[in-house]
Amino acid sequence: MPVPKKKTSQRRRDQRRSQQKLSVDVASLCPQCKSPKLPHRACTKCGTYKGREVIVLETD
């Protein structure tokens, strides 16, 4: 099997690994009920998306 000719430096190794970081999901506010929701998704509290109701929520 091939073996590396030179040792990979810590700087080069860390530069390569810096692209593998996790991203944080940014929450936006729902324009209807002002609760936090994920972007490009229907609101889980009121069931609206882009100003119209797309999910009919059952009320007790």
Protein backbone atom coordinates (compact mmCIF):
# COMPACT_ATOMS: atom_id res chain seq x y z
CA MET A 1 0.00 0.00 0.00
CA PRO A 2 1.19 3.53 -0.64
CA VAL A 3 2.54 5.47 2.29
CA PRO A 4 2.69 9.29 2.51
CA LYS A 5 6.15 10.66 1.85
CA LYS A 6 5.81 13.50 4.35
CA LYS A 7 3.89 14.01 7.56
CA THR A 8 0.74 16.13 7.22
CA SER A 9 1.21 19.24 9.33
CA GLN A 10 -1.34 20.21 11.97
CA ARG A 11 -2.18 23.37 10.07
CA ARG A 12 -2.93 21.54 6.82
CA ARG A 13 -4.93 18.88 8.66
CA ASP A 14 -6.98 21.49 10.54
CA GLN A 15 -7.61 23.54 7.38
CA ARG A 16 -9.04 20.45 5.73
CA ARG A 17 -11.23 19.62 8.73
CA SER A 18 -12.55 23.16 9.09
CA GLN A 19 -14.97 22.49 6.19
CA GLN A 20 -16.66 19.67 8.12
CA LYS A 21 -18.23 21.83 10.82
CA LEU A 22 -21.91 21.64 11.73
CA SER A 23 -24.20 24.48 10.77
CA VAL A 24 -26.72 26.01 13.15
CA ASP A 25 -30.34 26.08 12.06
CA VAL A 26 -31.58 29.67 12.14
CA ALA A 27 -35.15 30.12 13.31
CA SER A 28 -37.33 32.85 11.90
CA LEU A 29 -40.58 34.21 13.29
CA CYS A 30 -43.95 33.22 11.91
CA PRO A 31 -45.73 36.33 10.55
CA GLN A 32 -49.12 35.06 11.80
CA CYS A 33 -48.51 33.89 15.37
CA LYS A 34 -44.94 35.21 15.98
CA SER A 35 -43.67 31.82 17.18
CA PRO A 36 -40.22 30.60 16.05
CA LYS A 37 -40.20 28.30 13.02
CA LEU A 38 -37.64 26.90 10.59
CA PRO A 39 -37.34 28.77 7.28
CA HIS A 40 -39.15 27.36 4.21
CA ARG A 41 -41.41 25.20 6.39
CA ALA A 42 -44.97 25.48 7.60
CA CYS A 43 -45.48 26.82 11.12
CA THR A 44 -46.18 24.05 13.61
CA LYS A 45 -48.31 26.28 15.87
CA CYS A 46 -50.76 27.83 13.40
CA GLY A 47 -50.20 25.69 10.28
CA THR A 48 -49.62 28.55 7.84
CA TYR A 49 -47.03 28.94 5.10
CA LYS A 50 -46.58 32.13 3.05
CA GLY A 51 -49.77 33.63 4.46
CA ARG A 52 -52.12 30.73 3.74
CA GLU A 53 -53.22 27.78 5.84
CA VAL A 54 -51.66 24.56 4.58
CA ILE A 55 -52.05 22.35 7.65
CA VAL A 56 -55.42 21.99 9.36
CA LEU A 57 -54.73 21.70 13.08
CA GLU A 58 -57.20 19.96 15.36
CA THR A 59 -58.41 22.02 18.32
CA ASP A 60 -59.70 20.42 21.49
